[in-house]
Amino acid sequence: MPEKARRALGFDVKGTVSLGLWLARRKHGVPRGALPVPYASGGSAVFYVVLFSIVVETVAVEALIRGMDVSPTASAISLALHAWAVVAAVIVAASYATRPHVVTSDHVRVRQGAFFDLRVPRAQIADVRLSRVYDAPDGVTVSDATLTVAVASQTNVVLTLTAPIEVTRPLGARAHASTIHLYADDPTPLLTPNP
């Protein structure tokens, strides 16, 4: 199986696990003594807009299908696809909520839902500062040795490293970064010298 397909399947598995964790009100990968640093609320408005759009589209498409007297099979397929889209949106939201950034005495774990996970050794972090950006590229990007892990096009924390760290992006592409821009609902734990 190609690496990209394997990774995409891994997102589905991790997302489904996240849904279970969300229902159980638990977090993934937050050991005793570590500080979770949530980032999900930064994208919650986008999530609700997407979910609302999918529901409106489902109703509109179903009305069109019934008005055009399309076969019941086509209607069932359309409803199944739209139901899957709703579940996928909920799974992404669950993965954001249950997989926060994590600060331990050894490392800072930078995450984006089920899609990205990077452990940065604390000994390699030279500086941490607040810096609010509202037009960051969405998702996980690396450009000019800068890793950006944005939520709804926002970042508010910058980690400057003593040396570049290898980054594996969601679909497997590798790069090196010496600066990391990320978003946190409350960046205080990232700015605290020791958790």
N, C-alpha and C. Protein backbone atom coordinates (compact mmCIF):
# COMPACT_ATOMS: atom_id res chain seq x y z
N MET A 1 0.85 -1.17 0.00
CA MET A 1 0.00 0.00 0.00
C MET A 1 0.90 1.25 0.00
N PRO A 2 0.63 2.20 -0.89
CA PRO A 2 1.44 3.43 -0.94
C PRO A 2 1.38 4.18 0.40
N GLU A 3 2.48 4.90 0.71
CA GLU A 3 2.57 5.58 2.00
C GLU A 3 1.44 6.58 2.21
N LYS A 4 1.07 7.34 1.18
CA LYS A 4 0.00 8.33 1.33
C LYS A 4 -1.32 7.66 1.68
N ALA A 5 -1.62 6.53 1.02
CA ALA A 5 -2.86 5.81 1.31
C ALA A 5 -2.82 5.24 2.72
N ARG A 6 -1.66 4.72 3.13
CA ARG A 6 -1.52 4.17 4.48
C ARG A 6 -1.72 5.27 5.52
N ARG A 7 -1.15 6.43 5.26
CA ARG A 7 -1.31 7.55 6.19
C ARG A 7 -2.77 8.01 6.26
N ALA A 8 -3.43 8.08 5.10
CA ALA A 8 -4.84 8.49 5.08
C ALA A 8 -5.70 7.50 5.86
N LEU A 9 -5.41 6.22 5.73
CA LEU A 9 -6.13 5.20 6.51
C LEU A 9 -5.85 5.39 8.00
N GLY A 10 -4.60 5.73 8.33
CA GLY A 10 -4.24 6.00 9.72
C GLY A 10 -5.02 7.17 10.30
N PHE A 11 -5.28 8.21 9.49
CA PHE A 11 -6.08 9.34 9.95
C PHE A 11 -7.48 8.86 10.33
N ASP A 12 -8.06 7.97 9.50
CA ASP A 12 -9.40 7.45 9.79
C ASP A 12 -9.41 6.68 11.10
N VAL A 13 -8.40 5.83 11.29
CA VAL A 13 -8.34 5.02 12.52
C VAL A 13 -8.17 5.93 13.74
N LYS A 14 -7.20 6.86 13.67
CA LYS A 14 -6.97 7.77 14.79
C LYS A 14 -8.20 8.64 15.05
N GLY A 15 -8.85 9.07 13.98
CA GLY A 15 -10.05 9.89 14.13
C GLY A 15 -11.17 9.13 14.81
N THR A 16 -11.35 7.87 14.43
CA THR A 16 -12.39 7.05 15.05
C THR A 16 -12.09 6.83 16.53
N VAL A 17 -10.81 6.58 16.85
CA VAL A 17 -10.41 6.46 18.26
C VAL A 17 -10.70 7.77 18.99
N SER A 18 -10.42 8.89 18.33
CA SER A 18 -10.67 10.21 18.93
C SER A 18 -12.15 10.41 19.23
N LEU A 19 -13.01 9.91 18.35
CA LEU A 19 -14.45 10.03 18.58
C LEU A 19 -14.84 9.29 19.86
N GLY A 20 -14.28 8.09 20.04
CA GLY A 20 -14.53 7.35 21.27
C GLY A 20 -14.00 8.08 22.50
N LEU A 21 -12.80 8.65 22.39
CA LEU A 21 -12.23 9.42 23.50
C LEU A 21 -13.09 10.65 23.81
N TRP A 22 -13.60 11.29 22.76
CA TRP A 22 -14.43 12.48 22.92
C TRP A 22 -15.70 12.14 23.69
N LEU A 23 -16.32 11.02 23.32
CA LEU A 23 -17.54 10.59 24.00
C LEU A 23 -17.25 10.23 25.46
N ALA A 24 -16.04 9.68 25.71
CA ALA A 24 -15.64 9.31 27.07
C ALA A 24 -15.03 10.48 27.84
N ARG A 25 -14.92 11.64 27.18
CA ARG A 25 -14.33 12.85 27.78
C ARG A 25 -12.90 12.61 28.27
N ARG A 26 -12.11 12.00 27.39
CA ARG A 26 -10.71 11.72 27.71
C ARG A 26 -9.81 12.34 26.66
N LYS A 27 -8.52 12.49 27.00
CA LYS A 27 -7.53 13.05 26.09
C LYS A 27 -6.54 11.96 25.69
N HIS A 28 -5.97 12.09 24.51
CA HIS A 28 -4.98 11.14 24.00
C HIS A 28 -3.58 11.68 24.25
N GLY A 29 -2.69 10.83 24.78
CA GLY A 29 -1.28 11.19 24.88
C GLY A 29 -0.94 12.30 25.85
N VAL A 30 -1.69 12.39 26.95
CA VAL A 30 -1.38 13.38 27.97
C VAL A 30 -1.00 12.61 29.24
N PRO A 31 0.29 12.34 29.44
CA PRO A 31 0.69 11.56 30.62
C PRO A 31 0.52 12.34 31.92
N ARG A 32 0.55 11.59 33.04
CA ARG A 32 0.44 12.22 34.36
C ARG A 32 1.55 13.26 34.52
N GLY A 33 1.18 14.43 35.00
CA GLY A 33 2.14 15.51 35.21
C GLY A 33 2.35 16.41 34.00
N ALA A 34 1.81 16.03 32.85
CA ALA A 34 1.94 16.85 31.64
C ALA A 34 0.82 17.88 31.59
N LEU A 35 1.05 18.95 30.84
CA LEU A 35 0.04 19.98 30.67
C LEU A 35 -0.56 19.92 29.27
N PRO A 36 -1.86 19.65 29.16
CA PRO A 36 -2.49 19.72 27.84
C PRO A 36 -2.69 21.17 27.45
N VAL A 37 -2.49 21.46 26.17
CA VAL A 37 -2.67 22.82 25.66
C VAL A 37 -3.67 22.74 24.51
N PRO A 38 -4.96 22.92 24.80
CA PRO A 38 -5.98 22.81 23.76
C PRO A 38 -5.87 23.90 22.70
N TYR A 39 -6.36 23.57 21.51
CA TYR A 39 -6.38 24.51 20.40
C TYR A 39 -7.68 24.41 19.60
N ALA A 40 -8.57 23.53 20.01
CA ALA A 40 -9.78 23.23 19.23
C ALA A 40 -10.75 24.40 19.12
N SER A 41 -10.84 25.22 20.17
CA SER A 41 -11.86 26.28 20.12
C SER A 41 -11.56 27.32 19.05
N GLY A 42 -10.28 27.43 18.65
CA GLY A 42 -9.92 28.37 17.60
C GLY A 42 -10.57 28.05 16.26
N GLY A 43 -10.88 26.78 16.05
CA GLY A 43 -11.51 26.36 14.80
C GLY A 43 -12.95 25.95 14.94
N SER A 44 -13.53 26.12 16.14
CA SER A 44 -14.89 25.63 16.35
C SER A 44 -15.92 26.36 15.48
N ALA A 45 -15.73 27.65 15.24
CA ALA A 45 -16.68 28.37 14.38
C ALA A 45 -16.66 27.81 12.97
N VAL A 46 -15.46 27.51 12.47
CA VAL A 46 -15.34 26.92 11.13
C VAL A 46 -16.02 25.56 11.09
N PHE A 47 -15.82 24.76 12.15
CA PHE A 47 -16.46 23.44 12.22
C PHE A 47 -17.97 23.56 12.14
N TYR A 48 -18.56 24.47 12.92
CA TYR A 48 -20.02 24.61 12.91
C TYR A 48 -20.53 25.09 11.56
N VAL A 49 -19.78 25.97 10.90
CA VAL A 49 -20.18 26.43 9.56
C VAL A 49 -20.15 25.27 8.56
N VAL A 50 -19.08 24.47 8.62
CA VAL A 50 -18.98 23.32 7.70
C VAL A 50 -20.10 22.33 7.97
N LEU A 51 -20.34 22.02 9.23
CA LEU A 51 -21.40 21.06 9.58
C LEU A 51 -22.77 21.57 9.14
N PHE A 52 -23.04 22.85 9.38
CA PHE A 52 -24.31 23.44 8.95
C PHE A 52 -24.44 23.38 7.42
N SER A 53 -23.35 23.67 6.71
CA SER A 53 -23.38 23.63 5.24
C SER A 53 -23.67 22.23 4.72
N ILE A 54 -23.09 21.23 5.36
CA ILE A 54 -23.33 19.85 4.93
C ILE A 54 -24.80 19.48 5.13
N VAL A 55 -25.37 19.87 6.26
CA VAL A 55 -26.77 19.56 6.54
C VAL A 55 -27.69 20.27 5.55
N VAL A 56 -27.41 21.55 5.28
CA VAL A 56 -28.23 22.30 4.31
C VAL A 56 -28.12 21.66 2.92
N GLU A 57 -26.90 21.30 2.54
CA GLU A 57 -26.70 20.65 1.24
C GLU A 57 -27.45 19.32 1.17
N THR A 58 -27.44 18.56 2.24
CA THR A 58 -28.16 17.28 2.27
C THR A 58 -29.64 17.49 2.01
N VAL A 59 -30.21 18.45 2.70
CA VAL A 59 -31.65 18.73 2.52
C VAL A 59 -31.93 19.21 1.10
N ALA A 60 -31.09 20.10 0.59
CA ALA A 60 -31.30 20.65 -0.76
C ALA A 60 -31.17 19.56 -1.83
N VAL A 61 -30.15 18.74 -1.71
CA VAL A 61 -29.95 17.68 -2.71
C VAL A 61 -31.09 16.66 -2.64
N GLU A 62 -31.51 16.34 -1.44
CA GLU A 62 -32.63 15.39 -1.30
C GLU A 62 -33.90 15.95 -1.93
N ALA A 63 -34.15 17.26 -1.74
CA ALA A 63 -35.33 17.88 -2.37
C ALA A 63 -35.22 17.85 -3.89
N LEU A 64 -34.03 18.11 -4.42
CA LEU A 64 -33.82 18.05 -5.87
C LEU A 64 -34.03 16.64 -6.41
N ILE A 65 -33.49 15.67 -5.70
CA ILE A 65 -33.62 14.27 -6.15
C ILE A 65 -35.09 13.87 -6.17
N ARG A 66 -35.81 14.22 -5.15
CA ARG A 66 -37.25 13.87 -5.11
C ARG A 66 -38.03 14.62 -6.19
N GLY A 67 -37.67 15.88 -6.42
CA GLY A 67 -38.35 16.67 -7.44
C GLY A 67 -38.07 16.19 -8.86
N MET A 68 -36.91 15.57 -9.07
CA MET A 68 -36.55 15.08 -10.40
C MET A 68 -36.93 13.61 -10.59
N ASP A 69 -37.57 13.03 -9.59
CA ASP A 69 -38.02 11.65 -9.67
C ASP A 69 -36.87 10.69 -10.00
N VAL A 70 -35.77 10.86 -9.27
CA VAL A 70 -34.60 10.00 -9.44
C VAL A 70 -34.84 8.71 -8.67
N SER A 71 -34.16 7.66 -9.06
CA SER A 71 -34.38 6.34 -8.45
C SER A 71 -34.08 6.37 -6.95
N PRO A 72 -34.74 5.49 -6.20
CA PRO A 72 -34.49 5.41 -4.76
C PRO A 72 -33.03 5.03 -4.45
N THR A 73 -32.39 4.30 -5.35
CA THR A 73 -30.99 3.92 -5.14
C THR A 73 -30.09 5.16 -5.13
N ALA A 74 -30.31 6.06 -6.09
CA ALA A 74 -29.53 7.30 -6.15
C ALA A 74 -29.76 8.14 -4.90
N SER A 75 -31.01 8.19 -4.44
CA SER A 75 -31.33 8.93 -3.23
C SER A 75 -30.61 8.33 -2.02
N ALA A 76 -30.60 7.01 -1.93
CA ALA A 76 -29.94 6.33 -0.81
C ALA A 76 -28.43 6.58 -0.84
N ILE A 77 -27.84 6.55 -2.04
CA ILE A 77 -26.40 6.80 -2.17
C ILE A 77 -26.08 8.23 -1.75
N SER A 78 -26.90 9.17 -2.19
CA SER A 78 -26.69 10.57 -1.82
C SER A 78 -26.78 10.76 -0.31
N LEU A 79 -27.80 10.17 0.31
CA LEU A 79 -27.95 10.30 1.76
C LEU A 79 -26.78 9.66 2.50
N ALA A 80 -26.31 8.51 2.01
CA ALA A 80 -25.18 7.83 2.64
C ALA A 80 -23.92 8.69 2.56
N LEU A 81 -23.66 9.30 1.40
CA LEU A 81 -22.49 10.15 1.24
C LEU A 81 -22.55 11.38 2.15
N HIS A 82 -23.73 11.97 2.25
CA HIS A 82 -23.88 13.13 3.11
C HIS A 82 -23.76 12.74 4.59
N ALA A 83 -24.28 11.59 4.96
CA ALA A 83 -24.14 11.12 6.35
C ALA A 83 -22.67 10.88 6.67
N TRP A 84 -21.94 10.29 5.70
CA TRP A 84 -20.51 10.07 5.90
C TRP A 84 -19.79 11.40 6.07
N ALA A 85 -20.18 12.43 5.32
CA ALA A 85 -19.54 13.74 5.43
C ALA A 85 -19.78 14.35 6.81
N VAL A 86 -20.99 14.18 7.35
CA VAL A 86 -21.28 14.68 8.70
C VAL A 86 -20.42 13.96 9.72
N VAL A 87 -20.33 12.62 9.61
CA VAL A 87 -19.53 11.84 10.54
C VAL A 87 -18.05 12.24 10.43
N ALA A 88 -17.57 12.43 9.20
CA ALA A 88 -16.17 12.83 9.01
C ALA A 88 -15.89 14.18 9.67
N ALA A 89 -16.81 15.13 9.54
CA ALA A 89 -16.62 16.45 10.17
C ALA A 89 -16.59 16.32 11.69
N VAL A 90 -17.45 15.49 12.24
CA VAL A 90 -17.48 15.29 13.69
C VAL A 90 -16.19 14.61 14.16
N ILE A 91 -15.70 13.65 13.36
CA ILE A 91 -14.46 12.95 13.71
C ILE A 91 -13.27 13.93 13.72
N VAL A 92 -13.20 14.82 12.75
CA VAL A 92 -12.12 15.82 12.73
C VAL A 92 -12.21 16.71 13.97
N ALA A 93 -13.42 17.16 14.31
CA ALA A 93 -13.58 17.99 15.51
C ALA A 93 -13.18 17.22 16.76
N ALA A 94 -13.54 15.94 16.83
CA ALA A 94 -13.18 15.11 17.98
C ALA A 94 -11.67 14.95 18.09
N SER A 95 -11.00 14.79 16.95
CA SER A 95 -9.54 14.61 16.99
C SER A 95 -8.85 15.89 17.45
N TYR A 96 -9.39 17.05 17.08
CA TYR A 96 -8.83 18.31 17.55
C TYR A 96 -9.02 18.46 19.07
N ALA A 97 -10.19 18.06 19.55
CA ALA A 97 -10.51 18.23 20.97
C ALA A 97 -9.76 17.24 21.86
N THR A 98 -9.50 16.04 21.37
CA THR A 98 -8.90 15.00 22.23
C THR A 98 -7.40 14.86 22.06
N ARG A 99 -6.80 15.54 21.10
CA ARG A 99 -5.35 15.46 20.88
C ARG A 99 -4.74 16.86 20.97
N PRO A 100 -4.68 17.40 22.20
CA PRO A 100 -4.12 18.76 22.37
C PRO A 100 -2.60 18.75 22.22
N HIS A 101 -2.02 19.94 22.12
CA HIS A 101 -0.57 20.05 22.30
C HIS A 101 -0.30 19.59 23.73
N VAL A 102 0.91 19.12 24.00
CA VAL A 102 1.24 18.64 25.34
C VAL A 102 2.61 19.18 25.74
N VAL A 103 2.69 19.70 26.97
CA VAL A 103 3.96 20.18 27.51
C VAL A 103 4.37 19.26 28.65
N THR A 104 5.55 18.65 28.54
CA THR A 104 6.11 17.84 29.62
C THR A 104 7.46 18.43 30.00
N SER A 105 8.10 17.83 30.98
CA SER A 105 9.42 18.32 31.37
C SER A 105 10.47 18.02 30.31
N ASP A 106 10.18 17.06 29.41
CA ASP A 106 11.14 16.65 28.38
C ASP A 106 10.90 17.26 27.01
N HIS A 107 9.63 17.49 26.66
CA HIS A 107 9.34 17.93 25.30
C HIS A 107 8.04 18.73 25.23
N VAL A 108 7.86 19.38 24.09
CA VAL A 108 6.60 20.01 23.73
C VAL A 108 6.09 19.23 22.54
N ARG A 109 4.89 18.70 22.68
CA ARG A 109 4.29 17.91 21.61
C ARG A 109 3.33 18.81 20.84
N VAL A 110 3.64 19.07 19.59
CA VAL A 110 2.84 19.94 18.73
C VAL A 110 1.96 19.05 17.86
N ARG A 111 0.65 19.26 17.93
CA ARG A 111 -0.26 18.38 17.19
C ARG A 111 -1.33 19.17 16.44
N GLN A 112 -1.90 18.49 15.48
CA GLN A 112 -3.08 19.00 14.80
C GLN A 112 -4.00 17.81 14.55
N GLY A 113 -4.89 17.60 15.50
CA GLY A 113 -5.83 16.49 15.42
C GLY A 113 -5.12 15.17 15.20
N ALA A 114 -5.71 14.35 14.34
CA ALA A 114 -5.13 13.05 14.00
C ALA A 114 -4.12 13.16 12.87
N PHE A 115 -3.89 14.38 12.36
CA PHE A 115 -3.11 14.57 11.15
C PHE A 115 -1.62 14.83 11.37
N PHE A 116 -1.26 15.40 12.52
CA PHE A 116 0.12 15.81 12.71
C PHE A 116 0.52 15.68 14.18
N ASP A 117 1.74 15.19 14.40
CA ASP A 117 2.25 15.00 15.76
C ASP A 117 3.77 15.13 15.73
N LEU A 118 4.30 16.12 16.42
CA LEU A 118 5.74 16.35 16.46
C LEU A 118 6.18 16.61 17.89
N ARG A 119 7.18 15.85 18.34
CA ARG A 119 7.75 16.06 19.68
C ARG A 119 9.02 16.89 19.54
N VAL A 120 9.01 18.04 20.19
CA VAL A 120 10.16 18.94 20.16
C VAL A 120 10.84 18.87 21.53
N PRO A 121 12.08 18.38 21.60
CA PRO A 121 12.77 18.34 22.89
C PRO A 121 12.89 19.74 23.50
N ARG A 122 12.58 19.84 24.78
CA ARG A 122 12.64 21.16 25.44
C ARG A 122 14.06 21.73 25.41
N ALA A 123 15.05 20.84 25.45
CA ALA A 123 16.45 21.30 25.40
C ALA A 123 16.77 21.98 24.08
N GLN A 124 15.96 21.72 23.05
CA GLN A 124 16.20 22.29 21.73
C GLN A 124 15.42 23.59 21.50
N ILE A 125 14.62 23.99 22.49
CA ILE A 125 13.83 25.22 22.37
C ILE A 125 14.61 26.38 22.97
N ALA A 126 15.00 27.32 22.11
CA ALA A 126 15.79 28.47 22.56
C ALA A 126 14.90 29.59 23.09
N ASP A 127 13.71 29.73 22.49
CA ASP A 127 12.85 30.86 22.87
C ASP A 127 11.40 30.51 22.55
N VAL A 128 10.49 30.99 23.41
CA VAL A 128 9.04 30.85 23.19
C VAL A 128 8.45 32.24 23.39
N ARG A 129 7.65 32.69 22.42
CA ARG A 129 7.05 34.01 22.56
C ARG A 129 5.66 34.05 21.91
N LEU A 130 4.88 35.01 22.34
CA LEU A 130 3.56 35.25 21.73
C LEU A 130 3.74 36.05 20.46
N SER A 131 3.02 35.68 19.43
CA SER A 131 3.02 36.43 18.18
C SER A 131 1.76 36.04 17.42
N ARG A 132 0.78 36.91 17.44
CA ARG A 132 -0.52 36.59 16.83
C ARG A 132 -0.50 36.86 15.33
N VAL A 133 -0.90 35.81 14.59
CA VAL A 133 -1.00 35.91 13.13
C VAL A 133 -2.40 35.42 12.76
N TYR A 134 -3.10 36.18 11.93
CA TYR A 134 -4.48 35.84 11.57
C TYR A 134 -4.63 35.42 10.11
N ASP A 135 -3.52 35.38 9.38
CA ASP A 135 -3.60 34.97 7.97
C ASP A 135 -2.55 33.90 7.65
N ALA A 136 -2.32 33.01 8.60
CA ALA A 136 -1.36 31.93 8.41
C ALA A 136 -1.92 30.91 7.42
N PRO A 137 -1.05 30.22 6.68
CA PRO A 137 -1.55 29.18 5.80
C PRO A 137 -2.20 28.07 6.62
N ASP A 138 -3.37 27.61 6.20
CA ASP A 138 -4.08 26.57 6.94
C ASP A 138 -3.34 25.26 6.90
N GLY A 139 -3.59 24.44 7.91
CA GLY A 139 -3.00 23.11 7.96
C GLY A 139 -1.58 23.14 8.47
N VAL A 140 -0.79 22.17 7.98
CA VAL A 140 0.60 22.02 8.39
C VAL A 140 1.47 22.33 7.18
N THR A 141 2.25 23.41 7.28
CA THR A 141 3.10 23.81 6.16
C THR A 141 4.52 24.07 6.65
N VAL A 142 5.48 23.89 5.76
CA VAL A 142 6.87 24.24 6.05
C VAL A 142 7.37 25.10 4.90
N SER A 143 7.88 26.28 5.25
CA SER A 143 8.42 27.18 4.25
C SER A 143 9.57 27.95 4.88
N ASP A 144 10.71 27.99 4.18
CA ASP A 144 11.89 28.70 4.68
C ASP A 144 12.25 28.30 6.11
N ALA A 145 12.27 27.00 6.37
CA ALA A 145 12.63 26.43 7.69
C ALA A 145 11.68 26.84 8.80
N THR A 146 10.46 27.25 8.43
CA THR A 146 9.43 27.59 9.41
C THR A 146 8.26 26.64 9.27
N LEU A 147 7.96 25.92 10.34
CA LEU A 147 6.80 25.04 10.40
C LEU A 147 5.63 25.85 10.93
N THR A 148 4.52 25.80 10.21
CA THR A 148 3.30 26.48 10.66
C THR A 148 2.22 25.43 10.87
N VAL A 149 1.67 25.40 12.08
CA VAL A 149 0.57 24.49 12.42
C VAL A 149 -0.59 25.41 12.83
N ALA A 150 -1.37 25.81 11.84
CA ALA A 150 -2.41 26.81 12.06
C ALA A 150 -3.76 26.18 12.34
N VAL A 151 -4.59 26.92 13.05
CA VAL A 151 -5.99 26.55 13.28
C VAL A 151 -6.82 27.73 12.80
N ALA A 152 -7.67 27.48 11.80
CA ALA A 152 -8.50 28.54 11.22
C ALA A 152 -7.65 29.75 10.82
N SER A 153 -6.52 29.48 10.17
CA SER A 153 -5.59 30.50 9.68
C SER A 153 -4.95 31.32 10.78
N GLN A 154 -4.93 30.82 12.01
CA GLN A 154 -4.36 31.56 13.13
C GLN A 154 -3.19 30.82 13.76
N THR A 155 -2.20 31.57 14.19
CA THR A 155 -1.16 31.09 15.10
C THR A 155 -0.96 32.17 16.14
N ASN A 156 -0.48 31.79 17.33
CA ASN A 156 -0.24 32.80 18.36
C ASN A 156 1.00 32.52 19.22
N VAL A 157 1.72 31.45 18.91
CA VAL A 157 2.94 31.11 19.65
C VAL A 157 4.04 30.80 18.65
N VAL A 158 5.26 31.26 18.95
CA VAL A 158 6.43 30.96 18.12
C VAL A 158 7.46 30.27 19.00
N LEU A 159 7.89 29.09 18.56
CA LEU A 159 9.00 28.38 19.20
C LEU A 159 10.22 28.55 18.30
N THR A 160 11.29 29.08 18.85
CA THR A 160 12.54 29.19 18.10
C THR A 160 13.47 28.10 18.62
N LEU A 161 14.02 27.30 17.71
CA LEU A 161 14.84 26.15 18.09
C LEU A 161 16.32 26.46 17.98
N THR A 162 17.12 25.72 18.74
CA THR A 162 18.57 25.90 18.69
C THR A 162 19.17 25.26 17.44
N ALA A 163 18.45 24.27 16.88
CA ALA A 163 18.90 23.59 15.66
C ALA A 163 17.67 23.09 14.94
N PRO A 164 17.75 22.91 13.62
CA PRO A 164 16.58 22.43 12.88
C PRO A 164 16.14 21.04 13.35
N ILE A 165 14.85 20.80 13.28
CA ILE A 165 14.27 19.50 13.63
C ILE A 165 13.58 18.93 12.40
N GLU A 166 13.64 17.62 12.24
CA GLU A 166 12.98 17.00 11.09
C GLU A 166 11.47 16.94 11.34
N VAL A 167 10.72 17.31 10.33
CA VAL A 167 9.27 17.35 10.40
C VAL A 167 8.72 16.41 9.33
N THR A 168 7.80 15.54 9.73
CA THR A 168 7.10 14.69 8.77
C THR A 168 5.69 15.23 8.64
N ARG A 169 5.37 15.76 7.48
CA ARG A 169 4.05 16.36 7.25
C ARG A 169 2.98 15.27 7.14
N PRO A 170 1.71 15.64 7.19
CA PRO A 170 0.64 14.65 7.26
C PRO A 170 0.70 13.53 6.21
N LEU A 171 1.03 13.83 4.96
CA LEU A 171 1.06 12.77 3.94
C LEU A 171 2.44 12.19 3.72
N GLY A 172 3.40 12.50 4.62
CA GLY A 172 4.69 11.84 4.60
C GLY A 172 5.86 12.65 4.08
N ALA A 173 5.62 13.81 3.49
CA ALA A 173 6.73 14.64 3.02
C ALA A 173 7.56 15.10 4.22
N ARG A 174 8.87 15.11 4.05
CA ARG A 174 9.77 15.49 5.14
C ARG A 174 10.43 16.83 4.85
N ALA A 175 10.68 17.57 5.93
CA ALA A 175 11.35 18.87 5.83
C ALA A 175 12.04 19.14 7.16
N HIS A 176 12.80 20.20 7.22
CA HIS A 176 13.45 20.62 8.45
C HIS A 176 12.97 22.01 8.81
N ALA A 177 12.78 22.24 10.12
CA ALA A 177 12.31 23.54 10.59
C ALA A 177 13.11 23.96 11.81
N SER A 178 13.43 25.24 11.85
CA SER A 178 14.12 25.78 13.03
C SER A 178 13.22 26.77 13.79
N THR A 179 12.05 27.05 13.23
CA THR A 179 11.05 27.89 13.89
C THR A 179 9.69 27.22 13.73
N ILE A 180 8.88 27.26 14.79
CA ILE A 180 7.55 26.65 14.75
C ILE A 180 6.52 27.69 15.17
N HIS A 181 5.53 27.90 14.32
CA HIS A 181 4.39 28.76 14.63
C HIS A 181 3.20 27.84 14.87
N LEU A 182 2.50 28.03 16.00
CA LEU A 182 1.34 27.19 16.30
C LEU A 182 0.28 28.00 17.00
N TYR A 183 -0.91 27.40 17.13
CA TYR A 183 -2.02 28.07 17.80
C TYR A 183 -2.37 27.32 19.08
N ALA A 184 -2.67 28.08 20.14
CA ALA A 184 -3.15 27.51 21.40
C ALA A 184 -4.29 28.40 21.91
N ASP A 185 -5.35 27.76 22.43
CA ASP A 185 -6.45 28.54 23.00
C ASP A 185 -5.94 29.44 24.12
N ASP A 186 -5.11 28.86 24.99
CA ASP A 186 -4.45 29.61 26.06
C ASP A 186 -2.97 29.23 26.02
N PRO A 187 -2.11 30.10 25.51
CA PRO A 187 -0.71 29.76 25.34
C PRO A 187 0.12 29.73 26.62
N THR A 188 -0.47 30.07 27.76
CA THR A 188 0.30 30.16 29.02
C THR A 188 1.17 28.94 29.31
N PRO A 189 0.65 27.70 29.21
CA PRO A 189 1.52 26.55 29.52
C PRO A 189 2.74 26.44 28.60
N LEU A 190 2.62 26.93 27.38
CA LEU A 190 3.76 26.90 26.47
C LEU A 190 4.81 27.94 26.86
N LEU A 191 4.38 29.01 27.50
CA LEU A 191 5.29 30.09 27.88
C LEU A 191 5.93 29.87 29.24
N THR A 192 5.42 28.89 30.01
CA THR A 192 5.94 28.59 31.34
C THR A 192 7.21 27.78 31.22
N PRO A 193 8.29 28.16 31.90
CA PRO A 193 9.56 27.43 31.76
C PRO A 193 9.47 25.95 32.09
N ASN A 194 8.78 25.57 33.18
CA ASN A 194 8.69 24.16 33.56
C ASN A 194 7.23 23.80 33.84
N PRO A 195 6.77 22.65 33.27
CA PRO A 195 5.38 22.26 33.52
C PRO A 195 5.16 21.79 34.94
